[in-house]
Structures are given as structure tokens and as C-alpha cells.
Amino acid sequence: MASNSAAQEQPESREQEQPEPREQGRAEPREADDYALQSARRRAAARGAARTLQRSPLFVPLVERFAALAAAAPEVVGPQDPTDIYGDAVVATLEEEVARLLGKEAAVFFPTGTMAQQVALRCWAGRTGNATVALHPKAHPELHEGSAFPMVSGLRTVHPTDEPRLPTADEVRDFEEPFGALMLELPLREAGYVLPTWEELEAVVDAARERDAVVHFDGARLWECTPHFGRSLAEIAGLADSVYVSFYKSLEGISGAALAGPRTLVEEARVWRHRYGGQLFQQFPTAVSALLGLKHTLPRLPEYVAHARVIAEALHEGLTDTEVPWVRVHPERPHTHQFQVWLPYAPDVLNEASVGQAEETGTLLFGRWFPDGPPGLSVTEVTVTEEGLKWTAQDVKEAAAEFVRRLAR
């Protein structure tokens, strides 16, 4: 059992699959130039690929993306609707829609999830009188937010488990330190986008409540959890006292987040949003893109999840049938439309094979690879969206075989 926080910060990862920035430490000028050249090459290969499992909005030219947003805006706003000022108009409409979808009394828009969760947990700490937050050491605030919880918001973190999964009810119930809030990241991305079963999630929430702790869901990717749990968004969110959701990760919006919960908490969060510098003058492009994501992408996520399971099985079979000595697809049956693939090669070898395949064949099977785990192992994340629905299992196996052939060059 692990306790105490301040987990070592690690770089944000998985560049292609998710548009979160990969934090870079200081590098020598030559190293920085090499990284920039490699990144530019990867992006060019991704933009030019005729086939890919995910067509990231990151690779759409700026003018084209603005034009698409303007053309689609009438689907979610009226021709005479005003732009927003300090969170009214279309931003307020977005907040109401999120609250409705999640079955909460109210919701408040935030420019970032980092800010939303700090504010949420700071507000809960004031109400519980306990500024300690129990969460997983691989949770986003521990790895990718620059120690913001303790440095900015005076929150202390502890870890009921360091296993590559969310904590169990017994681990929460028997943890040796008191805590005011239990934060659960659904799904837990760095462990492979993993989720508990519905019964396990209910038991964990009950265990936290037995300790008089509030429950907060880091639901940056909550939108795609409904197939795994077999429950609606409102049923899932109903287990928690508060929920944060993102508009740019799965919904492919420009940016932004929302915090949903009791009306009194949301009104207090608005005050803290202003204090944290998040009361922006206008946010209408972000709000419109979020509403479009809720209208068009959200209903398709179950289809993406179902096909991700086809892709994962085909990848495992296809790679196993090659000369690769070992392969791991995790989870074997993905819980969402995203999963990990592990191979026993150095990242630079795998990255060269990935980019070369895209450049020479027009097929981008994998994004960027990273070292992880024991020396000699690398991992990448696979995301299946609309483009991925065009792939059959045989397509995947053929692309995997071509990828492996490049490893032997």
C-alpha cells in the first residue's frame, strides 16, 4: 500500500493520440533542433496519411478548422444569438447542457481541466475541513500539472494504491490516513485507459462515504465510459459529488472543461474561477465547438468503443503472427476506444517504422512510441475514431505485418 504524494512529475505523453502538451525539460540546442525536426516529420506524415485509425484535429490547418467551425455553428446556435461576455449566452447554454447530460444541478465552464479540478477540490476541502485528496499516483494531477495541487491550491495528496488500476473498496476503507476527498480518474489513462466494473465502482464510492469523504470524478474521458459500465452518463456521474469533463479530448473540441455538481458548489466554483484567472472575456469559439462535439461526436463514441475492440484483437493476432518476440495489447478487450500496445524495441526504432510506413504507404498504424516499464520495452496508445471504422480486422493485420517488416530493416 502506498501513501503520501508529490509523485515525481513525468512528461505528458502520447503526443499524437491526445492533444495534451508533452512537457519538455531543458535540452541542448542540438537536441531541441532534432526533436523539432522529428516532430515536424511525424506531423507531416500524419497529415499526409490516407489511412489512419484516428484523424486528429491537431493536423487540420488553422484556416480550414475555423471555416468548418463557422459552417457548423448554425447547428447549435441561432443566427441572431449574441457572442458571450464573461460566461453568458452560448457558454451558459453549454453549462446547462452539461448539467442535463450528467444529471447534476448545475455546471460551470472552465478554460482548463487543471483549473477546474483544483477549484473543485479546494471548495470541497473548505467544506470538509480536510485538504487531503486520495487519488492514484498515475492520475493526471500527479504527473502532468506541475504539482499544482500542493503548490497552488494547498492540497495534499495520498495514494491508497499504486497498482495499475483504480483503488479497491478495501484499499479505500482501510487506508491509514484520513482524507477529505477521493478523486477517481475514469478511465485511468496512464494505466491503459482502464475502468473498474460497475459493482467495483459503487463499492469504492460507498467505502469513501463510510469515511465521510466526498467523491470527485476526473471525467476528462467520462463520455466514452457508458459502454463499459452499461449505464448512462447521468447514472455514472450520479455516484460522485462532483464531476469534471473535458471538451477537447474525446469530443474533439478546441479546448475547455466543465465542473458539474450541487448548485452551491458550482456557484462557489465561479468565484474561485475568477480568482484563478479563468473568468475570460469571451469563449464562444470554444463553447460552439464543445456543443458540436456533444451533438455529433458523443453519440458515436459507443461505436468507436465497439470497433476499438475489433482493432485491438486484430492487432494482437496480427503482431503475434509476425517475427515479433513479444507483444502486449492492454487491456486485451479495451474498456474505451483507446488502449495501449507494448513491444520489445527501442522507441526510436518503432517511431522510425511508424513514420516510414506512413510516408511510404500512406498508412499510419501507430502514433508516437515511448519508453516505459523495464528497459527495452516501449508503449504507444491507439485511439479509434471515425477513420478507424473503415478498417477491417484483415486491414489491421496486413498493416501490422508491414510495420513489423520495417523493424527488420
Protein backbone atom coordinates (compact mmCIF):
# COMPACT_ATOMS: atom_id res chain seq x y z
CA MET A 1 0.00 0.00 0.00
CA ALA A 2 1.38 3.38 -0.94
CA SER A 3 0.88 6.62 0.90
CA ASN A 4 1.99 10.21 0.59
CA SER A 5 2.07 12.19 -2.55
CA ALA A 6 4.13 14.57 -4.56
CA ALA A 7 4.72 11.90 -7.12
CA GLN A 8 7.64 12.57 -9.38
CA GLU A 9 6.48 14.67 -12.29
CA GLN A 10 6.75 12.93 -15.61
CA PRO A 11 6.31 14.33 -19.09
CA GLU A 12 2.85 14.45 -20.59
CA SER A 13 2.72 11.69 -23.10
CA ARG A 14 1.26 10.12 -26.20
CA GLU A 15 1.63 13.10 -28.47
CA GLN A 16 -0.42 12.05 -31.45
CA GLU A 17 -3.37 10.44 -29.76
CA GLN A 18 -4.13 13.22 -27.33
CA PRO A 19 -3.52 16.93 -27.79
CA GLU A 20 -2.12 17.43 -24.30
CA PRO A 21 1.33 19.07 -24.39
CA ARG A 22 4.33 16.89 -23.71
CA GLU A 23 6.30 18.76 -21.08
CA GLN A 24 9.94 19.11 -22.05
CA GLY A 25 12.85 19.68 -19.74
CA ARG A 26 15.80 21.84 -20.72
CA ALA A 27 17.58 20.43 -23.72
CA GLU A 28 20.77 21.27 -25.51
CA PRO A 29 20.17 23.36 -28.67
CA ARG A 30 21.10 20.46 -30.93
CA GLU A 31 18.76 18.08 -29.07
CA ALA A 32 15.96 20.64 -29.28
CA ASP A 33 16.53 21.03 -33.02
CA ASP A 34 16.47 17.26 -33.52
CA TYR A 35 13.25 16.96 -31.54
CA ALA A 36 11.63 19.75 -33.56
CA LEU A 37 12.63 18.09 -36.83
CA GLN A 38 11.31 14.71 -35.71
CA SER A 39 8.07 16.25 -34.51
CA ALA A 40 7.59 18.10 -37.79
CA ARG A 41 8.21 14.89 -39.71
CA ARG A 42 5.68 12.96 -37.63
CA ARG A 43 3.06 15.64 -38.14
CA ALA A 44 3.66 15.78 -41.87
CA ALA A 45 3.35 12.00 -42.08
CA ALA A 46 0.12 12.07 -40.09
CA ARG A 47 -1.37 14.84 -42.25
CA GLY A 48 -0.44 13.04 -45.43
CA ALA A 49 -1.62 9.57 -44.42
CA ALA A 50 -4.53 8.27 -46.46
CA ARG A 51 -5.44 5.70 -43.80
CA THR A 52 -5.29 6.13 -40.05
CA LEU A 53 -7.23 4.93 -37.04
CA GLN A 54 -7.75 8.49 -35.86
CA ARG A 55 -7.71 11.77 -37.80
CA SER A 56 -6.61 14.20 -35.12
CA PRO A 57 -7.94 17.79 -35.31
CA LEU A 58 -4.39 18.85 -34.44
CA PHE A 59 -3.37 18.18 -38.02
CA VAL A 60 -6.14 20.23 -39.66
CA PRO A 61 -4.80 23.57 -40.99
CA LEU A 62 -5.90 26.60 -38.95
CA VAL A 63 -7.98 28.33 -41.63
CA GLU A 64 -9.71 25.08 -42.55
CA ARG A 65 -10.65 24.42 -38.94
CA PHE A 66 -12.02 27.93 -38.46
CA ALA A 67 -14.07 27.60 -41.65
CA ALA A 68 -15.51 24.26 -40.55
CA LEU A 69 -16.46 25.68 -37.15
CA ALA A 70 -18.20 28.68 -38.72
CA ALA A 71 -20.07 26.48 -41.19
CA ALA A 72 -21.34 24.13 -38.47
CA ALA A 73 -22.14 26.78 -35.85
CA PRO A 74 -25.79 27.28 -37.01
CA GLU A 75 -26.47 23.70 -35.89
CA VAL A 76 -26.09 24.70 -32.24
CA VAL A 77 -26.63 28.49 -32.11
CA GLY A 78 -29.19 30.82 -33.64
CA PRO A 79 -28.40 33.33 -36.42
CA GLN A 80 -29.01 36.28 -34.09
CA ASP A 81 -27.53 34.84 -30.91
CA PRO A 82 -25.02 37.21 -29.30
CA THR A 83 -21.45 36.31 -28.51
CA ASP A 84 -20.73 35.64 -24.84
CA ILE A 85 -19.38 38.13 -22.33
CA TYR A 86 -17.81 36.73 -19.18
CA GLY A 87 -19.63 33.41 -19.42
CA ASP A 88 -23.17 34.22 -20.53
CA ALA A 89 -25.00 33.41 -23.79
CA VAL A 90 -23.54 30.34 -25.56
CA VAL A 91 -21.27 29.50 -22.61
CA ALA A 92 -24.30 29.41 -20.31
CA THR A 93 -26.10 27.21 -22.85
CA LEU A 94 -23.18 24.79 -22.79
CA GLU A 95 -23.19 24.70 -18.98
CA GLU A 96 -26.90 23.88 -18.93
CA GLU A 97 -26.43 21.06 -21.45
CA VAL A 98 -23.58 19.51 -19.46
CA ALA A 99 -25.59 19.65 -16.25
CA ARG A 100 -28.50 17.96 -18.04
CA LEU A 101 -26.35 15.20 -19.52
CA LEU A 102 -24.65 14.46 -16.22
CA GLY A 103 -27.82 14.72 -14.14
CA LYS A 104 -26.37 17.43 -11.89
CA GLU A 105 -27.98 20.58 -10.51
CA ALA A 106 -25.57 22.90 -12.28
CA ALA A 107 -22.29 23.13 -14.19
CA VAL A 108 -19.68 25.82 -14.73
CA PHE A 109 -17.33 26.27 -17.68
CA PHE A 110 -13.56 26.39 -17.12
CA PRO A 111 -10.83 27.16 -19.64
CA THR A 112 -8.81 24.12 -18.46
CA GLY A 113 -9.36 20.91 -16.55
CA THR A 114 -6.34 21.67 -14.39
CA MET A 115 -8.10 24.75 -13.07
CA ALA A 116 -11.49 23.05 -12.78
CA GLN A 117 -10.20 20.24 -10.57
CA GLN A 118 -8.12 22.48 -8.34
CA VAL A 119 -11.15 24.67 -7.76
CA ALA A 120 -13.45 21.70 -7.14
CA LEU A 121 -11.18 20.07 -4.60
CA ARG A 122 -10.32 23.36 -2.94
CA CYS A 123 -14.03 24.04 -2.47
CA TRP A 124 -14.58 20.56 -1.04
CA ALA A 125 -11.62 20.99 1.31
CA GLY A 126 -13.21 24.12 2.72
CA ARG A 127 -16.43 22.22 3.35
CA THR A 128 -14.93 19.04 4.81
CA GLY A 129 -12.16 20.76 6.75
CA ASN A 130 -9.65 18.29 5.28
CA ALA A 131 -7.35 19.36 2.44
CA THR A 132 -6.06 15.82 1.77
CA VAL A 133 -7.10 14.24 -1.53
CA ALA A 134 -6.81 10.49 -2.08
CA LEU A 135 -6.05 9.62 -5.71
CA HIS A 136 -3.92 7.33 -7.86
CA PRO A 137 -0.21 8.14 -8.30
CA LYS A 138 -0.73 7.89 -12.07
CA ALA A 139 -3.63 10.35 -12.02
CA HIS A 140 -3.27 13.43 -14.20
CA PRO A 141 -2.70 15.92 -11.33
CA GLU A 142 0.19 13.85 -10.02
CA LEU A 143 2.01 13.53 -13.35
CA HIS A 144 1.10 16.38 -15.64
CA GLU A 145 0.13 19.50 -13.72
CA GLY A 146 3.40 20.76 -12.24
CA SER A 147 2.45 19.89 -8.65
CA ALA A 148 -0.38 22.40 -8.84
CA PHE A 149 -2.44 20.78 -6.09
CA PRO A 150 0.07 21.49 -3.29
CA MET A 151 1.87 24.46 -4.86
CA VAL A 152 -1.16 26.49 -5.91
CA SER A 153 -4.16 25.20 -4.00
CA GLY A 154 -2.73 23.96 -0.71
CA LEU A 155 -3.97 20.43 -1.26
CA ARG A 156 -2.10 17.36 -0.06
CA THR A 157 -2.38 14.07 -1.92
CA VAL A 158 -2.16 10.46 -0.74
CA HIS A 159 -2.32 7.17 -2.63
CA PRO A 160 -4.50 4.28 -1.44
CA THR A 161 -2.80 2.05 -4.05
CA ASP A 162 -0.01 2.11 -6.57
CA GLU A 163 -1.32 -0.86 -8.55
CA PRO A 164 -2.01 -0.07 -12.24
CA ARG A 165 -5.75 0.24 -11.62
CA LEU A 166 -8.09 2.32 -9.53
CA PRO A 167 -8.22 1.55 -5.79
CA THR A 168 -10.50 -1.14 -4.43
CA ALA A 169 -13.12 -0.59 -1.77
CA ASP A 170 -10.94 -2.35 0.82
CA GLU A 171 -7.94 -0.16 -0.04
CA VAL A 172 -10.04 2.97 0.39
CA ARG A 173 -11.75 1.71 3.55
CA ASP A 174 -8.53 0.53 5.21
CA PHE A 175 -6.21 3.37 4.19
CA GLU A 176 -4.28 4.52 7.23
CA GLU A 177 -4.68 8.29 6.80
CA PRO A 178 -7.79 10.46 6.84
CA PHE A 179 -8.71 12.29 3.65
CA GLY A 180 -11.45 14.71 2.74
CA ALA A 181 -11.98 13.73 -0.89
CA LEU A 182 -11.48 10.67 -3.06
CA MET A 183 -10.69 11.53 -6.67
CA LEU A 184 -11.18 8.80 -9.28
CA GLU A 185 -9.93 9.25 -12.85
CA LEU A 186 -12.35 7.49 -15.19
CA PRO A 187 -10.75 5.92 -17.15
CA LEU A 188 -7.25 5.85 -15.65
CA ARG A 189 -5.30 6.82 -18.74
CA GLU A 190 -1.71 6.14 -17.76
CA ALA A 191 -2.60 2.59 -16.68
CA GLY A 192 -4.11 1.86 -20.09
CA TYR A 193 -7.48 3.66 -20.04
CA VAL A 194 -8.70 1.13 -17.50
CA LEU A 195 -12.00 1.16 -15.65
CA PRO A 196 -13.38 -0.86 -12.73
CA THR A 197 -16.60 -2.81 -13.09
CA TRP A 198 -19.80 -1.01 -12.16
CA GLU A 199 -20.08 -3.01 -8.96
CA GLU A 200 -16.47 -2.19 -8.04
CA LEU A 201 -17.06 1.50 -8.67
CA GLU A 202 -20.17 1.50 -6.48
CA ALA A 203 -18.24 -0.26 -3.70
CA VAL A 204 -15.34 2.21 -3.85
CA VAL A 205 -17.72 5.17 -3.63
CA ASP A 206 -19.53 3.59 -0.69
CA ALA A 207 -16.20 2.98 1.07
CA ALA A 208 -15.25 6.66 0.69
CA ARG A 209 -18.62 7.76 2.04
CA GLU A 210 -18.16 5.47 5.04
CA ARG A 211 -15.12 7.60 5.82
CA ASP A 212 -17.14 10.82 5.43
CA ALA A 213 -15.16 11.73 2.31
CA VAL A 214 -16.67 13.33 -0.77
CA VAL A 215 -16.15 11.69 -4.17
CA HIS A 216 -14.94 13.61 -7.21
CA PHE A 217 -14.64 12.09 -10.68
CA ASP A 218 -11.89 13.20 -13.02
CA GLY A 219 -14.09 12.54 -16.01
CA ALA A 220 -11.93 14.07 -18.72
CA ARG A 221 -12.82 10.98 -20.75
CA LEU A 222 -16.06 10.08 -18.98
CA TRP A 223 -18.01 10.48 -22.21
CA GLU A 224 -16.79 7.12 -23.58
CA CYS A 225 -17.34 5.09 -20.38
CA THR A 226 -21.00 4.28 -20.92
CA PRO A 227 -20.49 1.07 -22.98
CA HIS A 228 -18.18 -0.47 -20.37
CA PHE A 229 -20.44 0.31 -17.44
CA GLY A 230 -23.70 -0.28 -19.29
CA ARG A 231 -25.06 2.86 -17.64
CA SER A 232 -25.98 6.36 -18.80
CA LEU A 233 -23.76 9.37 -18.18
CA ALA A 234 -26.19 10.60 -15.54
CA GLU A 235 -26.10 7.25 -13.71
CA ILE A 236 -22.30 7.22 -13.72
CA ALA A 237 -21.97 10.85 -12.64
CA GLY A 238 -24.67 10.27 -10.04
CA LEU A 239 -22.24 8.24 -7.96
CA ALA A 240 -19.99 11.28 -7.44
CA ASP A 241 -20.49 14.53 -5.57
CA SER A 242 -18.80 16.43 -8.39
CA VAL A 243 -17.54 15.63 -11.88
CA TYR A 244 -15.11 17.32 -14.25
CA VAL A 245 -15.40 16.71 -18.01
CA SER A 246 -13.25 17.84 -20.92
CA PHE A 247 -14.44 19.14 -24.27
CA TYR A 248 -11.29 18.60 -26.32
CA LYS A 249 -10.12 15.08 -25.54
CA SER A 250 -12.85 12.74 -26.77
CA LEU A 251 -15.25 15.35 -28.13
CA GLU A 252 -12.56 16.97 -30.32
CA GLY A 253 -13.44 20.49 -29.28
CA ILE A 254 -10.98 23.37 -29.26
CA SER A 255 -10.40 23.34 -25.51
CA GLY A 256 -12.25 23.86 -22.26
CA ALA A 257 -13.82 21.89 -19.45
CA ALA A 258 -16.78 21.91 -17.10
CA LEU A 259 -17.32 21.16 -13.43
CA ALA A 260 -20.73 19.77 -12.52
CA GLY A 261 -22.26 19.21 -9.10
CA PRO A 262 -24.53 20.76 -6.49
CA ARG A 263 -25.62 24.31 -7.31
CA THR A 264 -23.99 25.72 -4.17
CA LEU A 265 -20.64 24.14 -5.10
CA VAL A 266 -20.89 25.43 -8.67
CA GLU A 267 -21.63 28.97 -7.52
CA GLU A 268 -18.64 28.90 -5.19
CA ALA A 269 -16.53 27.49 -8.05
CA ARG A 270 -17.46 30.50 -10.17
CA VAL A 271 -15.93 32.78 -7.55
CA TRP A 272 -12.73 30.75 -7.45
CA ARG A 273 -12.60 30.59 -11.25
CA HIS A 274 -12.38 34.37 -11.27
CA ARG A 275 -9.69 34.33 -8.58
CA TYR A 276 -7.65 31.79 -10.55
CA GLY A 277 -7.78 33.95 -13.68
CA GLY A 278 -10.30 31.82 -15.52
CA GLN A 279 -13.04 34.43 -15.99
CA LEU A 280 -12.25 35.04 -19.65
CA PHE A 281 -13.91 37.82 -21.61
CA GLN A 282 -15.14 35.65 -24.49
CA GLN A 283 -15.15 31.92 -25.14
CA PHE A 284 -17.67 31.49 -27.94
CA PRO A 285 -15.45 29.51 -30.39
CA THR A 286 -14.62 27.03 -27.62
CA ALA A 287 -18.25 26.79 -26.47
CA VAL A 288 -19.57 26.29 -30.00
CA SER A 289 -17.01 23.56 -30.71
CA ALA A 290 -17.98 21.85 -27.45
CA LEU A 291 -21.69 21.93 -28.31
CA LEU A 292 -20.91 20.48 -31.73
CA GLY A 293 -18.88 17.73 -30.07
CA LEU A 294 -21.79 16.90 -27.78
CA LYS A 295 -24.16 16.80 -30.75
CA HIS A 296 -22.08 14.85 -33.25
CA THR A 297 -19.20 13.02 -31.54
CA LEU A 298 -20.79 11.98 -28.24
CA PRO A 299 -23.46 9.76 -29.87
CA ARG A 300 -20.76 7.98 -31.89
CA LEU A 301 -18.45 7.09 -29.02
CA PRO A 302 -20.12 3.72 -28.31
CA GLU A 303 -19.49 2.77 -31.95
CA TYR A 304 -15.84 3.77 -31.56
CA VAL A 305 -15.54 1.67 -28.40
CA ALA A 306 -17.04 -1.37 -30.09
CA HIS A 307 -14.71 -1.11 -33.07
CA ALA A 308 -11.67 -0.47 -30.85
CA ARG A 309 -12.22 -3.98 -29.52
CA VAL A 310 -12.11 -5.35 -33.07
CA ILE A 311 -8.94 -3.37 -33.78
CA ALA A 312 -7.28 -4.49 -30.53
CA GLU A 313 -7.95 -8.16 -31.18
CA ALA A 314 -6.72 -7.89 -34.77
CA LEU A 315 -3.57 -6.07 -33.67
CA HIS A 316 -2.75 -8.74 -31.12
CA GLU A 317 -3.33 -11.53 -33.63
CA GLY A 318 -1.51 -9.72 -36.40
CA LEU A 319 1.57 -8.89 -34.35
CA THR A 320 1.66 -12.36 -32.78
CA ASP A 321 1.75 -13.92 -36.24
CA THR A 322 4.93 -11.97 -37.13
CA GLU A 323 8.55 -12.27 -36.04
CA VAL A 324 7.97 -10.01 -33.04
CA PRO A 325 9.15 -11.95 -29.95
CA TRP A 326 6.57 -10.48 -27.59
CA VAL A 327 3.54 -8.19 -27.77
CA ARG A 328 1.04 -6.87 -25.28
CA VAL A 329 -2.26 -5.19 -26.07
CA HIS A 330 -3.69 -3.66 -22.91
CA PRO A 331 -6.46 -4.04 -21.97
CA GLU A 332 -6.96 -7.13 -24.14
CA ARG A 333 -10.58 -6.06 -24.50
CA PRO A 334 -10.42 -2.23 -24.38
CA HIS A 335 -12.64 -0.52 -21.83
CA THR A 336 -12.93 2.58 -24.04
CA HIS A 337 -11.96 3.47 -27.62
CA GLN A 338 -8.32 3.84 -26.51
CA PHE A 339 -5.77 1.26 -25.43
CA GLN A 340 -2.04 0.55 -25.21
CA VAL A 341 0.29 -1.57 -27.35
CA TRP A 342 3.66 -2.68 -25.97
CA LEU A 343 6.61 -4.03 -27.99
CA PRO A 344 10.18 -5.04 -27.02
CA TYR A 345 12.04 -2.47 -29.11
CA ALA A 346 13.57 0.95 -28.50
CA PRO A 347 11.24 3.90 -29.16
CA ASP A 348 13.42 5.36 -31.93
CA VAL A 349 13.25 2.06 -33.85
CA LEU A 350 9.46 1.89 -33.52
CA ASN A 351 8.97 5.57 -34.31
CA GLU A 352 11.05 5.26 -37.48
CA ALA A 353 8.97 2.26 -38.58
CA SER A 354 5.70 4.12 -37.84
CA VAL A 355 6.65 7.28 -39.69
CA GLY A 356 8.29 5.41 -42.56
CA GLN A 357 5.18 3.30 -43.07
CA ALA A 358 3.01 6.42 -43.22
CA GLU A 359 5.37 8.23 -45.60
CA GLU A 360 5.85 5.31 -47.99
CA THR A 361 2.47 3.53 -47.92
CA GLY A 362 0.05 6.22 -46.76
CA THR A 363 -0.97 4.07 -43.78
CA LEU A 364 -0.44 5.40 -40.26
CA LEU A 365 -1.00 2.49 -37.89
CA PHE A 366 0.72 3.80 -34.74
CA GLY A 367 1.44 7.19 -33.28
CA ARG A 368 4.47 8.00 -31.20
CA TRP A 369 6.20 5.35 -29.06
CA PHE A 370 7.66 5.99 -25.61
CA PRO A 371 9.95 4.06 -23.27
CA ASP A 372 8.01 2.66 -20.32
CA GLY A 373 8.44 -0.19 -17.88
CA PRO A 374 11.62 -2.30 -17.88
CA PRO A 375 14.46 -1.31 -20.25
CA GLY A 376 13.84 -2.44 -23.80
CA LEU A 377 10.07 -2.02 -23.74
CA SER A 378 8.12 0.75 -25.46
CA VAL A 379 4.45 1.68 -25.42
CA THR A 380 2.11 3.58 -27.67
CA GLU A 381 -1.56 4.49 -27.41
CA VAL A 382 -4.11 3.56 -30.06
CA THR A 383 -7.24 5.66 -30.49
CA VAL A 384 -10.10 4.55 -32.74
CA THR A 385 -12.44 7.23 -34.06
CA GLU A 386 -14.40 7.74 -37.29
CA GLU A 387 -11.42 7.00 -39.56
CA GLY A 388 -10.81 3.75 -37.72
CA LEU A 389 -14.30 2.47 -38.50
CA LYS A 390 -13.19 2.00 -42.12
CA TRP A 391 -10.62 -0.64 -41.10
CA THR A 392 -11.46 -4.33 -41.14
CA ALA A 393 -9.63 -6.83 -38.96
CA GLN A 394 -7.77 -8.01 -42.06
CA ASP A 395 -6.70 -4.43 -42.84
CA VAL A 396 -5.23 -4.19 -39.36
CA LYS A 397 -3.34 -7.48 -39.65
CA GLU A 398 -1.85 -6.50 -43.01
CA ALA A 399 -0.77 -3.09 -41.70
CA ALA A 400 0.75 -4.74 -38.62
CA ALA A 401 2.72 -7.17 -40.79
CA GLU A 402 4.04 -4.29 -42.91
CA PHE A 403 5.00 -2.38 -39.77
CA VAL A 404 6.98 -5.34 -38.40
CA ARG A 405 8.78 -5.84 -41.71
CA ARG A 406 10.21 -2.35 -41.26
CA LEU A 407 11.62 -3.26 -37.88
CA ALA A 408 13.95 -5.75 -39.54
CA ARG A 409 15.43 -3.20 -41.94
